Amino acid sequence: MNTAPLQQLVYTSIYRAGRVDSELQALRAILSVSRRNNLAAGVTGFLIFDRDSFVQVLEGSREALDATMARIAQDDRHRDVAVIDIQPIDERAFQAWTMGGCRRTPQQQPIFAAHGIPDRIDRAEISFETVVSLARDLSAQSAQG
C-alpha cells in the first residue's frame, strides 16, 4: 500500500497540432496514453481542452506527479507547459478517473461561463482553484453522460 502523501498539481500548456487531423482525435489520443501511464503510476486527474489550450489537474504522490510532468514536457503535442501550483490534498477529487477529459463544446459552455471563463481560457490568469472547480463540474457532467 502506498502511503506517500497525496498532492494535486494543476498545469497549462498549448496544444501543438500535427500528429492527428483534429482536436478531438488529439484529445482521444492523449487520454488513451494518459490512462495507461497513470494507472501504472497511481495518478488520477482530469484534462480540459479549450481550443488551443490544455489545463489539467493531476493527483498522486509527488514522485509520480514529477514523473508525469516530465513525460508531458517531452510530449510534442504540448508546448509552453507551465505548472500553476501543487498543493497537498487529503483525498483525490478524481479518483474515478485515471484520466478523464473533455473539450469545450456548446454543451459545456454554461459550466465554463459559471467559472468566469465565458470565452477562452487565459493561461496567465487562471487560478489553481478555478481549474480544480471547473474540472470537478465537467467531470460530474461527463459521468452523467
Protein backbone atom coordinates (compact mmCIF):
# COMPACT_ATOMS: atom_id res chain seq x y z
CA MET A 1 0.00 0.00 0.00
CA ASN A 2 1.32 3.42 -1.00
CA THR A 3 1.37 5.77 1.98
CA ALA A 4 3.08 8.70 0.25
CA PRO A 5 1.24 11.98 0.82
CA LEU A 6 -1.13 12.97 -1.95
CA GLN A 7 -0.58 16.11 -3.98
CA GLN A 8 -2.74 17.87 -6.52
CA LEU A 9 -0.98 19.60 -9.40
CA VAL A 10 -2.51 21.96 -11.97
CA TYR A 11 -0.73 22.90 -15.16
CA THR A 12 -1.45 24.54 -18.50
CA SER A 13 0.02 24.04 -21.93
CA ILE A 14 -0.65 24.97 -25.52
CA TYR A 15 -1.74 22.31 -27.99
CA ARG A 16 0.75 21.79 -30.76
CA ALA A 17 -1.13 20.42 -33.75
CA GLY A 18 0.42 17.99 -36.13
CA ARG A 19 0.14 14.30 -35.34
CA VAL A 20 -3.59 13.98 -35.95
CA ASP A 21 -6.22 15.57 -38.14
CA SER A 22 -8.46 17.06 -35.47
CA GLU A 23 -8.54 18.40 -31.93
CA LEU A 24 -10.94 15.61 -30.93
CA GLN A 25 -8.51 12.97 -32.22
CA ALA A 26 -5.70 14.67 -30.31
CA LEU A 27 -7.70 14.67 -27.08
CA ARG A 28 -8.64 11.00 -27.52
CA ALA A 29 -5.02 10.03 -28.21
CA ILE A 30 -3.74 11.92 -25.16
CA LEU A 31 -6.41 10.42 -22.91
CA SER A 32 -5.67 6.89 -24.15
CA VAL A 33 -1.94 7.13 -23.42
CA SER A 34 -2.53 9.01 -20.16
CA ARG A 35 -4.93 6.38 -18.83
CA ARG A 36 -2.39 3.63 -19.39
CA ASN A 37 0.53 5.60 -17.91
CA ASN A 38 -1.47 6.98 -14.99
CA LEU A 39 -2.87 3.59 -14.00
CA ALA A 40 0.68 2.25 -13.71
CA ALA A 41 1.87 5.36 -11.82
CA GLY A 42 -1.08 5.73 -9.42
CA VAL A 43 -2.07 9.11 -10.89
CA THR A 44 -5.62 10.36 -11.36
CA GLY A 45 -6.88 13.54 -12.92
CA PHE A 46 -8.91 15.45 -15.46
CA LEU A 47 -7.81 17.16 -18.69
CA ILE A 48 -9.65 20.12 -20.18
CA PHE A 49 -9.03 21.12 -23.80
CA ASP A 50 -10.18 24.60 -24.75
CA ARG A 51 -9.43 25.47 -28.39
CA ASP A 52 -5.64 25.67 -28.28
CA SER A 53 -5.01 25.29 -24.55
CA PHE A 54 -4.89 22.45 -22.08
CA VAL A 55 -5.47 22.81 -18.37
CA GLN A 56 -5.16 19.71 -16.27
CA VAL A 57 -5.48 18.52 -12.71
CA LEU A 58 -3.23 15.63 -11.70
CA GLU A 59 -3.30 13.79 -8.37
CA GLY A 60 -0.85 11.37 -6.81
CA SER A 61 2.41 11.20 -4.93
CA ARG A 62 4.94 13.94 -5.61
CA GLU A 63 7.25 11.40 -7.21
CA ALA A 64 4.52 10.17 -9.58
CA LEU A 65 3.49 13.75 -10.45
CA ASP A 66 7.09 14.74 -11.17
CA ALA A 67 7.49 11.74 -13.50
CA THR A 68 4.19 12.53 -15.21
CA MET A 69 5.15 16.17 -15.74
CA ALA A 70 8.50 15.08 -17.19
CA ARG A 71 6.61 12.94 -19.76
CA ILE A 72 4.26 15.83 -20.58
CA ALA A 73 7.17 18.24 -21.05
CA GLN A 74 8.65 15.80 -23.62
CA ASP A 75 5.33 15.23 -25.43
CA ASP A 76 5.34 17.06 -28.76
CA ARG A 77 1.59 17.72 -28.51
CA HIS A 78 2.28 20.20 -25.68
CA ARG A 79 4.29 23.39 -25.70
CA ASP A 80 4.79 26.11 -23.10
CA VAL A 81 3.98 23.72 -20.25
CA ALA A 82 3.58 25.71 -17.02
CA VAL A 83 2.69 24.43 -13.56
CA ILE A 84 0.19 26.76 -11.89
CA ASP A 85 0.59 25.22 -8.44
CA ILE A 86 0.91 21.99 -6.50
CA GLN A 87 -0.86 21.52 -3.18
CA PRO A 88 -1.25 18.73 -0.63
CA ILE A 89 -4.65 17.03 -0.52
CA ASP A 90 -6.28 14.61 1.90
CA GLU A 91 -8.17 12.68 -0.76
CA ARG A 92 -8.46 12.52 -4.51
CA ALA A 93 -11.11 14.60 -6.25
CA PHE A 94 -10.87 12.49 -9.42
CA GLN A 95 -10.42 9.00 -8.00
CA ALA A 96 -12.77 7.53 -10.62
CA TRP A 97 -10.58 8.83 -13.47
CA THR A 98 -7.11 7.52 -14.30
CA MET A 99 -7.60 10.39 -16.70
CA GLY A 100 -10.89 11.97 -17.52
CA GLY A 101 -11.22 14.72 -20.01
CA CYS A 102 -13.33 16.88 -22.22
CA ARG A 103 -13.04 19.65 -24.74
CA ARG A 104 -15.14 22.79 -24.69
CA THR A 105 -18.33 22.31 -26.64
CA PRO A 106 -21.58 24.29 -26.67
CA GLN A 107 -22.94 21.83 -24.06
CA GLN A 108 -20.15 22.73 -21.61
CA GLN A 109 -20.28 26.47 -22.29
CA PRO A 110 -22.57 27.23 -19.30
CA ILE A 111 -20.13 25.44 -16.98
CA PHE A 112 -17.17 27.42 -18.32
CA ALA A 113 -19.16 30.67 -18.01
CA ALA A 114 -20.16 29.85 -14.42
CA HIS A 115 -16.44 29.63 -13.59
CA GLY A 116 -15.72 33.03 -15.11
CA ILE A 117 -14.45 31.68 -18.44
CA PRO A 118 -17.07 32.80 -20.97
CA ASP A 119 -14.58 32.87 -23.84
CA ARG A 120 -11.18 31.23 -23.97
CA ILE A 121 -9.00 30.25 -21.02
CA ASP A 122 -6.46 32.90 -20.12
CA ARG A 123 -3.48 30.75 -19.18
CA ALA A 124 -1.75 33.67 -17.47
CA GLU A 125 -4.72 34.47 -15.24
CA ILE A 126 -6.47 31.20 -14.43
CA SER A 127 -6.06 30.04 -10.84
CA PHE A 128 -5.42 26.63 -9.33
CA GLU A 129 -8.79 26.77 -7.57
CA THR A 130 -10.69 27.69 -10.74
CA VAL A 131 -9.18 24.80 -12.69
CA VAL A 132 -9.96 22.27 -9.94
CA SER A 133 -13.52 23.54 -9.56
CA LEU A 134 -14.10 23.61 -13.33
CA ALA A 135 -12.68 20.11 -13.69
CA ARG A 136 -14.95 18.82 -10.88
CA ASP A 137 -18.03 20.24 -12.59
CA LEU A 138 -17.03 19.00 -16.06
CA SER A 139 -16.18 15.60 -14.58
CA ALA A 140 -19.60 15.38 -12.95
CA GLN A 141 -21.25 16.25 -16.26
CA SER A 142 -19.12 13.62 -18.07
CA ALA A 143 -20.09 10.99 -15.50
CA GLN A 144 -23.77 11.73 -16.07
CA GLY A 145 -23.39 11.21 -19.63
